[in-house]
């Protein structure tokens, strides 16, 4: 595996997890955006699995806080991530 492929895989998992955690809470993209203090358009780009959106650490922290998870949970892969 190349460094680039590893990075792309991590980004893919991040995007899937953001969407999964939001759906588990029964929230719309608008609700997550409001709770995290970021735009709905950016949430949509972060949830698109093949998007090249690269959130800053600050945005990751805002999302994790809003979702009630650890920042590390956003990049963790488990069975629920790929469902």
PDB file of N, CA and C in Angstrom:
ATOM      1  N   UNK A   1       0.846  -1.177   0.000  1.00  0.00           N
ATOM      2  CA  UNK A   1       0.000   0.000   0.000  1.00  0.00           C
ATOM      3  C   UNK A   1       0.893   1.242   0.000  1.00  0.00           C
ATOM      4  N   UNK A   2       0.538   2.183  -0.804  1.00  0.00           N
ATOM      5  CA  UNK A   2       1.303   3.430  -0.852  1.00  0.00           C
ATOM      6  C   UNK A   2       0.799   4.398   0.212  1.00  0.00           C
ATOM      7  N   UNK A   3       1.605   5.391   0.483  1.00  0.00           N
ATOM      8  CA  UNK A   3       1.220   6.426   1.447  1.00  0.00           C
ATOM      9  C   UNK A   3      -0.029   7.155   0.962  1.00  0.00           C
ATOM     10  N   UNK A   4      -0.088   7.412  -0.340  1.00  0.00           N
ATOM     11  CA  UNK A   4      -1.253   8.118  -0.913  1.00  0.00           C
ATOM     12  C   UNK A   4      -2.525   7.284  -0.760  1.00  0.00           C
ATOM     13  N   UNK A   5      -2.435   5.984  -1.033  1.00  0.00           N
ATOM     14  CA  UNK A   5      -3.590   5.092  -0.918  1.00  0.00           C
ATOM     15  C   UNK A   5      -4.062   5.026   0.534  1.00  0.00           C
ATOM     16  N   UNK A   6      -3.119   4.942   1.463  1.00  0.00           N
ATOM     17  CA  UNK A   6      -3.466   4.910   2.878  1.00  0.00           C
ATOM     18  C   UNK A   6      -4.229   6.180   3.262  1.00  0.00           C
ATOM     19  N   UNK A   7      -3.735   7.328   2.819  1.00  0.00           N
ATOM     20  CA  UNK A   7      -4.383   8.602   3.099  1.00  0.00           C
ATOM     21  C   UNK A   7      -5.798   8.631   2.523  1.00  0.00           C
ATOM     22  N   UNK A   8      -5.958   8.209   1.284  1.00  0.00           N
ATOM     23  CA  UNK A   8      -7.277   8.202   0.642  1.00  0.00           C
ATOM     24  C   UNK A   8      -8.229   7.265   1.365  1.00  0.00           C
ATOM     25  N   UNK A   9      -7.740   6.125   1.827  1.00  0.00           N
ATOM     26  CA  UNK A   9      -8.578   5.193   2.585  1.00  0.00           C
ATOM     27  C   UNK A   9      -9.029   5.812   3.908  1.00  0.00           C
ATOM     28  N   UNK A  10      -8.126   6.497   4.597  1.00  0.00           N
ATOM     29  CA  UNK A  10      -8.477   7.163   5.861  1.00  0.00           C
ATOM     30  C   UNK A  10      -9.541   8.231   5.631  1.00  0.00           C
ATOM     31  N   UNK A  11      -9.380   9.005   4.574  1.00  0.00           N
ATOM     32  CA  UNK A  11     -10.340  10.051   4.256  1.00  0.00           C
ATOM     33  C   UNK A  11     -11.707   9.448   3.928  1.00  0.00           C
ATOM     34  N   UNK A  12     -11.716   8.341   3.197  1.00  0.00           N
ATOM     35  CA  UNK A  12     -12.951   7.637   2.853  1.00  0.00           C
ATOM     36  C   UNK A  12     -13.682   7.187   4.120  1.00  0.00           C
ATOM     37  N   UNK A  13     -12.942   6.582   5.058  1.00  0.00           N
ATOM     38  CA  UNK A  13     -13.527   6.115   6.322  1.00  0.00           C
ATOM     39  C   UNK A  13     -14.053   7.296   7.136  1.00  0.00           C
ATOM     40  N   UNK A  14     -13.310   8.387   7.178  1.00  0.00           N
ATOM     41  CA  UNK A  14     -13.758   9.585   7.877  1.00  0.00           C
ATOM     42  C   UNK A  14     -15.099  10.047   7.344  1.00  0.00           C
ATOM     43  N   UNK A  15     -15.228  10.132   6.042  1.00  0.00           N
ATOM     44  CA  UNK A  15     -16.471  10.600   5.424  1.00  0.00           C
ATOM     45  C   UNK A  15     -17.634   9.661   5.745  1.00  0.00           C
ATOM     46  N   UNK A  16     -17.374   8.348   5.681  1.00  0.00           N
ATOM     47  CA  UNK A  16     -18.428   7.380   6.015  1.00  0.00           C
ATOM     48  C   UNK A  16     -18.856   7.508   7.476  1.00  0.00           C
ATOM     49  N   UNK A  17     -17.892   7.682   8.382  1.00  0.00           N
ATOM     50  CA  UNK A  17     -18.208   7.761   9.812  1.00  0.00           C
ATOM     51  C   UNK A  17     -18.994   9.011  10.163  1.00  0.00           C
ATOM     52  N   UNK A  18     -18.665  10.122   9.559  1.00  0.00           N
ATOM     53  CA  UNK A  18     -19.425  11.348   9.834  1.00  0.00           C
ATOM     54  C   UNK A  18     -20.895  11.122   9.493  1.00  0.00           C
ATOM     55  N   UNK A  19     -21.139  10.564   8.318  1.00  0.00           N
ATOM     56  CA  UNK A  19     -22.519  10.296   7.899  1.00  0.00           C
ATOM     57  C   UNK A  19     -23.191   9.267   8.816  1.00  0.00           C
ATOM     58  N   UNK A  20     -22.454   8.226   9.188  1.00  0.00           N
ATOM     59  CA  UNK A  20     -23.027   7.171  10.038  1.00  0.00           C
ATOM     60  C   UNK A  20     -23.401   7.706  11.413  1.00  0.00           C
ATOM     61  N   UNK A  21     -22.494   8.437  12.041  1.00  0.00           N
ATOM     62  CA  UNK A  21     -22.797   8.986  13.369  1.00  0.00           C
ATOM     63  C   UNK A  21     -23.985   9.941  13.308  1.00  0.00           C
ATOM     64  N   UNK A  22     -24.058  10.729  12.259  1.00  0.00           N
ATOM     65  CA  UNK A  22     -25.187  11.656  12.122  1.00  0.00           C
ATOM     66  C   UNK A  22     -26.501  10.888  11.984  1.00  0.00           C
ATOM     67  N   UNK A  23     -26.515   9.886  11.118  1.00  0.00           N
ATOM     68  CA  UNK A  23     -27.736   9.087  10.912  1.00  0.00           C
ATOM     69  C   UNK A  23     -28.132   8.334  12.174  1.00  0.00           C
ATOM     70  N   UNK A  24     -27.149   7.822  12.923  1.00  0.00           N
ATOM     71  CA  UNK A  24     -27.458   7.110  14.178  1.00  0.00           C
ATOM     72  C   UNK A  24     -28.189   8.011  15.171  1.00  0.00           C
ATOM     73  N   UNK A  25     -27.929   9.288  15.094  1.00  0.00           N
ATOM     74  CA  UNK A  25     -28.600  10.233  15.985  1.00  0.00           C
ATOM     75  C   UNK A  25     -29.919  10.729  15.421  1.00  0.00           C
ATOM     76  N   UNK A  26     -30.230  10.341  14.206  1.00  0.00           N
ATOM     77  CA  UNK A  26     -31.476  10.750  13.580  1.00  0.00           C
ATOM     78  C   UNK A  26     -31.463  12.204  13.142  1.00  0.00           C
ATOM     79  N   UNK A  27     -30.279  12.754  12.920  1.00  0.00           N
ATOM     80  CA  UNK A  27     -30.147  14.158  12.550  1.00  0.00           C
ATOM     81  C   UNK A  27     -30.066  14.343  11.043  1.00  0.00           C
ATOM     82  N   UNK A  28     -30.519  15.474  10.596  1.00  0.00           N
ATOM     83  CA  UNK A  28     -30.317  15.874   9.202  1.00  0.00           C
ATOM     84  C   UNK A  28     -28.928  16.517   9.101  1.00  0.00           C
ATOM     85  N   UNK A  29     -28.485  16.718   7.883  1.00  0.00           N
ATOM     86  CA  UNK A  29     -27.222  17.432   7.686  1.00  0.00           C
ATOM     87  C   UNK A  29     -27.321  18.845   8.249  1.00  0.00           C
ATOM     88  N   UNK A  30     -28.488  19.431   8.128  1.00  0.00           N
ATOM     89  CA  UNK A  30     -28.697  20.777   8.657  1.00  0.00           C
ATOM     90  C   UNK A  30     -28.526  20.807  10.177  1.00  0.00           C
ATOM     91  N   UNK A  31     -29.070  19.800  10.851  1.00  0.00           N
ATOM     92  CA  UNK A  31     -28.960  19.749  12.311  1.00  0.00           C
ATOM     93  C   UNK A  31     -27.510  19.572  12.756  1.00  0.00           C
ATOM     94  N   UNK A  32     -26.773  18.704  12.080  1.00  0.00           N
ATOM     95  CA  UNK A  32     -25.361  18.522  12.417  1.00  0.00           C
ATOM     96  C   UNK A  32     -24.588  19.811  12.152  1.00  0.00           C
ATOM     97  N   UNK A  33     -24.851  20.437  11.027  1.00  0.00           N
ATOM     98  CA  UNK A  33     -24.156  21.680  10.692  1.00  0.00           C
ATOM     99  C   UNK A  33     -24.380  22.728  11.779  1.00  0.00           C
ATOM    100  N   UNK A  34     -25.614  22.856  12.227  1.00  0.00           N
ATOM    101  CA  UNK A  34     -25.930  23.837  13.264  1.00  0.00           C
ATOM    102  C   UNK A  34     -25.210  23.505  14.571  1.00  0.00           C
ATOM    103  N   UNK A  35     -25.247  22.236  14.959  1.00  0.00           N
ATOM    104  CA  UNK A  35     -24.610  21.826  16.220  1.00  0.00           C
ATOM    105  C   UNK A  35     -23.083  21.981  16.167  1.00  0.00           C
ATOM    106  N   UNK A  36     -22.504  21.743  14.987  1.00  0.00           N
ATOM    107  CA  UNK A  36     -21.046  21.809  14.841  1.00  0.00           C
ATOM    108  C   UNK A  36     -20.546  23.203  14.483  1.00  0.00           C
ATOM    109  N   UNK A  37     -21.463  24.078  14.068  1.00  0.00           N
ATOM    110  CA  UNK A  37     -21.058  25.428  13.706  1.00  0.00           C
ATOM    111  C   UNK A  37     -20.349  25.511  12.375  1.00  0.00           C
ATOM    112  N   UNK A  38     -20.737  24.637  11.452  1.00  0.00           N
ATOM    113  CA  UNK A  38     -20.172  24.674  10.103  1.00  0.00           C
ATOM    114  C   UNK A  38     -21.312  24.629   9.089  1.00  0.00           C
ATOM    115  N   UNK A  39     -21.014  24.904   7.850  1.00  0.00           N
ATOM    116  CA  UNK A  39     -22.079  25.017   6.852  1.00  0.00           C
ATOM    117  C   UNK A  39     -22.636  23.657   6.433  1.00  0.00           C
ATOM    118  N   UNK A  40     -23.885  23.675   6.032  1.00  0.00           N
ATOM    119  CA  UNK A  40     -24.547  22.468   5.535  1.00  0.00           C
ATOM    120  C   UNK A  40     -23.823  21.976   4.279  1.00  0.00           C
ATOM    121  N   UNK A  41     -23.420  22.892   3.458  1.00  0.00           N
ATOM    122  CA  UNK A  41     -22.709  22.528   2.224  1.00  0.00           C
ATOM    123  C   UNK A  41     -21.419  21.759   2.541  1.00  0.00           C
ATOM    124  N   UNK A  42     -20.715  22.201   3.585  1.00  0.00           N
ATOM    125  CA  UNK A  42     -19.479  21.515   3.974  1.00  0.00           C
ATOM    126  C   UNK A  42     -19.788  20.141   4.554  1.00  0.00           C
ATOM    127  N   UNK A  43     -20.835  20.027   5.350  1.00  0.00           N
ATOM    128  CA  UNK A  43     -21.252  18.715   5.873  1.00  0.00           C
ATOM    129  C   UNK A  43     -21.527  17.776   4.708  1.00  0.00           C
ATOM    130  N   UNK A  44     -22.252  18.244   3.713  1.00  0.00           N
ATOM    131  CA  UNK A  44     -22.563  17.407   2.547  1.00  0.00           C
ATOM    132  C   UNK A  44     -21.291  16.949   1.851  1.00  0.00           C
ATOM    133  N   UNK A  45     -20.321  17.832   1.722  1.00  0.00           N
ATOM    134  CA  UNK A  45     -19.073  17.438   1.060  1.00  0.00           C
ATOM    135  C   UNK A  45     -18.283  16.460   1.920  1.00  0.00           C
ATOM    136  N   UNK A  46     -18.367  16.606   3.241  1.00  0.00           N
ATOM    137  CA  UNK A  46     -17.665  15.676   4.128  1.00  0.00           C
ATOM    138  C   UNK A  46     -18.306  14.298   4.156  1.00  0.00           C
ATOM    139  N   UNK A  47     -19.583  14.228   3.881  1.00  0.00           N
ATOM    140  CA  UNK A  47     -20.276  12.946   3.893  1.00  0.00           C
ATOM    141  C   UNK A  47     -20.216  12.218   2.552  1.00  0.00           C
ATOM    142  N   UNK A  48     -19.767  12.871   1.528  1.00  0.00           N
ATOM    143  CA  UNK A  48     -19.649  12.224   0.221  1.00  0.00           C
ATOM    144  C   UNK A  48     -18.406  11.339   0.252  1.00  0.00           C
ATOM    145  N   UNK A  49     -18.574  10.004   0.159  1.00  0.00           N
ATOM    146  CA  UNK A  49     -17.449   9.086   0.338  1.00  0.00           C
ATOM    147  C   UNK A  49     -16.239   9.352  -0.563  1.00  0.00           C
ATOM    148  N   UNK A  50     -16.462   9.772  -1.776  1.00  0.00           N
ATOM    149  CA  UNK A  50     -15.340   9.964  -2.690  1.00  0.00           C
ATOM    150  C   UNK A  50     -14.961  11.434  -2.848  1.00  0.00           C
ATOM    151  N   UNK A  51     -15.434  12.252  -1.916  1.00  0.00           N
ATOM    152  CA  UNK A  51     -15.088  13.668  -1.906  1.00  0.00           C
ATOM    153  C   UNK A  51     -13.619  13.834  -1.515  1.00  0.00           C
ATOM    154  N   UNK A  52     -13.046  14.910  -1.946  1.00  0.00           N
ATOM    155  CA  UNK A  52     -11.670  15.227  -1.564  1.00  0.00           C
ATOM    156  C   UNK A  52     -11.631  16.268  -0.450  1.00  0.00           C
ATOM    157  N   UNK A  53     -12.771  16.472   0.222  1.00  0.00           N
ATOM    158  CA  UNK A  53     -12.830  17.427   1.325  1.00  0.00           C
ATOM    159  C   UNK A  53     -11.905  16.952   2.447  1.00  0.00           C
ATOM    160  N   UNK A  54     -11.028  17.838   2.885  1.00  0.00           N
ATOM    161  CA  UNK A  54     -10.054  17.517   3.919  1.00  0.00           C
ATOM    162  C   UNK A  54     -10.256  18.459   5.104  1.00  0.00           C
ATOM    163  N   UNK A  55     -11.045  18.037   6.090  1.00  0.00           N
ATOM    164  CA  UNK A  55     -11.336  18.933   7.210  1.00  0.00           C
ATOM    165  C   UNK A  55     -10.101  19.216   8.056  1.00  0.00           C
ATOM    166  N   UNK A  56     -10.045  20.411   8.579  1.00  0.00           N
ATOM    167  CA  UNK A  56      -8.966  20.776   9.499  1.00  0.00           C
ATOM    168  C   UNK A  56      -9.185  20.060  10.829  1.00  0.00           C
ATOM    169  N   UNK A  57      -8.171  20.080  11.660  1.00  0.00           N
ATOM    170  CA  UNK A  57      -8.305  19.479  12.987  1.00  0.00           C
ATOM    171  C   UNK A  57      -9.392  20.195  13.782  1.00  0.00           C
ATOM    172  N   UNK A  58      -9.480  21.486  13.611  1.00  0.00           N
ATOM    173  CA  UNK A  58     -10.519  22.262  14.304  1.00  0.00           C
ATOM    174  C   UNK A  58     -11.916  21.758  13.922  1.00  0.00           C
ATOM    175  N   UNK A  59     -12.138  21.536  12.622  1.00  0.00           N
ATOM    176  CA  UNK A  59     -13.441  21.032  12.154  1.00  0.00           C
ATOM    177  C   UNK A  59     -13.685  19.629  12.692  1.00  0.00           C
ATOM    178  N   UNK A  60     -12.652  18.788  12.708  1.00  0.00           N
ATOM    179  CA  UNK A  60     -12.816  17.443  13.272  1.00  0.00           C
ATOM    180  C   UNK A  60     -13.236  17.523  14.738  1.00  0.00           C
ATOM    181  N   UNK A  61     -12.629  18.428  15.475  1.00  0.00           N
ATOM    182  CA  UNK A  61     -12.997  18.603  16.887  1.00  0.00           C
ATOM    183  C   UNK A  61     -14.436  19.102  17.025  1.00  0.00           C
ATOM    184  N   UNK A  62     -14.837  20.041  16.186  1.00  0.00           N
ATOM    185  CA  UNK A  62     -16.208  20.557  16.225  1.00  0.00           C
ATOM    186  C   UNK A  62     -17.203  19.436  15.924  1.00  0.00           C
ATOM    187  N   UNK A  63     -16.900  18.617  14.929  1.00  0.00           N
ATOM    188  CA  UNK A  63     -17.790  17.513  14.576  1.00  0.00           C
ATOM    189  C   UNK A  63     -17.860  16.484  15.697  1.00  0.00           C
ATOM    190  N   UNK A  64     -16.701  16.105  16.230  1.00  0.00           N
ATOM    191  CA  UNK A  64     -16.671  15.112  17.307  1.00  0.00           C
ATOM    192  C   UNK A  64     -17.462  15.603  18.515  1.00  0.00           C
ATOM    193  N   UNK A  65     -17.273  16.858  18.894  1.00  0.00           N
ATOM    194  CA  UNK A  65     -18.005  17.416  20.032  1.00  0.00           C
ATOM    195  C   UNK A  65     -19.501  17.396  19.765  1.00  0.00           C
ATOM    196  N   UNK A  66     -19.908  17.844  18.583  1.00  0.00           N
ATOM    197  CA  UNK A  66     -21.337  17.878  18.235  1.00  0.00           C
ATOM    198  C   UNK A  66     -21.942  16.480  18.244  1.00  0.00           C
ATOM    199  N   UNK A  67     -21.191  15.502  17.769  1.00  0.00           N
ATOM    200  CA  UNK A  67     -21.691  14.128  17.682  1.00  0.00           C
ATOM    201  C   UNK A  67     -21.542  13.357  18.988  1.00  0.00           C
ATOM    202  N   UNK A  68     -20.789  13.909  19.940  1.00  0.00           N
ATOM    203  CA  UNK A  68     -20.585  13.229  21.218  1.00  0.00           C
ATOM    204  C   UNK A  68     -19.656  12.035  21.123  1.00  0.00           C
ATOM    205  N   UNK A  69     -18.660  12.131  20.243  1.00  0.00           N
ATOM    206  CA  UNK A  69     -17.686  11.059  20.068  1.00  0.00           C
ATOM    207  C   UNK A  69     -16.281  11.637  20.215  1.00  0.00           C
ATOM    208  N   UNK A  70     -15.299  10.763  20.289  1.00  0.00           N
ATOM    209  CA  UNK A  70     -13.901  11.176  20.287  1.00  0.00           C
ATOM    210  C   UNK A  70     -13.460  11.457  18.855  1.00  0.00           C
ATOM    211  N   UNK A  71     -12.489  12.319  18.693  1.00  0.00           N
ATOM    212  CA  UNK A  71     -11.960  12.600  17.353  1.00  0.00           C
ATOM    213  C   UNK A  71     -11.487  11.304  16.701  1.00  0.00           C
ATOM    214  N   UNK A  72     -10.858  10.435  17.482  1.00  0.00           N
ATOM    215  CA  UNK A  72     -10.353   9.172  16.940  1.00  0.00           C
ATOM    216  C   UNK A  72     -11.478   8.274  16.423  1.00  0.00           C
ATOM    217  N   UNK A  73     -12.679   8.410  16.974  1.00  0.00           N
ATOM    218  CA  UNK A  73     -13.817   7.608  16.497  1.00  0.00           C
ATOM    219  C   UNK A  73     -14.171   7.949  15.048  1.00  0.00           C
ATOM    220  N   UNK A  74     -13.863   9.152  14.638  1.00  0.00           N
ATOM    221  CA  UNK A  74     -14.200   9.570  13.277  1.00  0.00           C
ATOM    222  C   UNK A  74     -13.377   8.848  12.218  1.00  0.00           C
ATOM    223  N   UNK A  75     -12.222   8.312  12.610  1.00  0.00           N
ATOM    224  CA  UNK A  75     -11.385   7.596  11.640  1.00  0.00           C
ATOM    225  C   UNK A  75     -11.288   6.113  11.927  1.00  0.00           C
ATOM    226  N   UNK A  76     -12.026   5.650  12.919  1.00  0.00           N
ATOM    227  CA  UNK A  76     -11.997   4.228  13.275  1.00  0.00           C
ATOM    228  C   UNK A  76     -12.855   3.420  12.312  1.00  0.00           C
ATOM    229  N   UNK A  77     -12.335   2.303  11.886  1.00  0.00           N
ATOM    230  CA  UNK A  77     -13.120   1.427  11.013  1.00  0.00           C
ATOM    231  C   UNK A  77     -13.622   0.243  11.844  1.00  0.00           C
ATOM    232  N   UNK A  78     -14.897  -0.029  11.708  1.00  0.00           N
ATOM    233  CA  UNK A  78     -15.496  -1.213  12.322  1.00  0.00           C
ATOM    234  C   UNK A  78     -16.640  -1.686  11.430  1.00  0.00           C
ATOM    235  N   UNK A  79     -17.301  -2.708  11.836  1.00  0.00           N
ATOM    236  CA  UNK A  79     -18.380  -3.255  11.017  1.00  0.00           C
ATOM    237  C   UNK A  79     -19.455  -2.239  10.683  1.00  0.00           C
ATOM    238  N   UNK A  80     -19.756  -1.349  11.618  1.00  0.00           N
ATOM    239  CA  UNK A  80     -20.799  -0.356  11.405  1.00  0.00           C
ATOM    240  C   UNK A  80     -20.394   0.683  10.354  1.00  0.00           C
ATOM    241  N   UNK A  81     -19.113   0.925  10.213  1.00  0.00           N
ATOM    242  CA  UNK A  81     -18.633   1.925   9.263  1.00  0.00           C
ATOM    243  C   UNK A  81     -18.973   1.544   7.828  1.00  0.00           C
ATOM    244  N   UNK A  82     -18.778   0.281   7.486  1.00  0.00           N
ATOM    245  CA  UNK A  82     -18.944  -0.145   6.097  1.00  0.00           C
ATOM    246  C   UNK A  82     -20.297  -0.768   5.803  1.00  0.00           C
ATOM    247  N   UNK A  83     -21.223  -0.619   6.701  1.00  0.00           N
ATOM    248  CA  UNK A  83     -22.584  -1.130   6.510  1.00  0.00           C
ATOM    249  C   UNK A  83     -23.305  -0.393   5.430  1.00  0.00           C
TER     250      UNK A  83
END
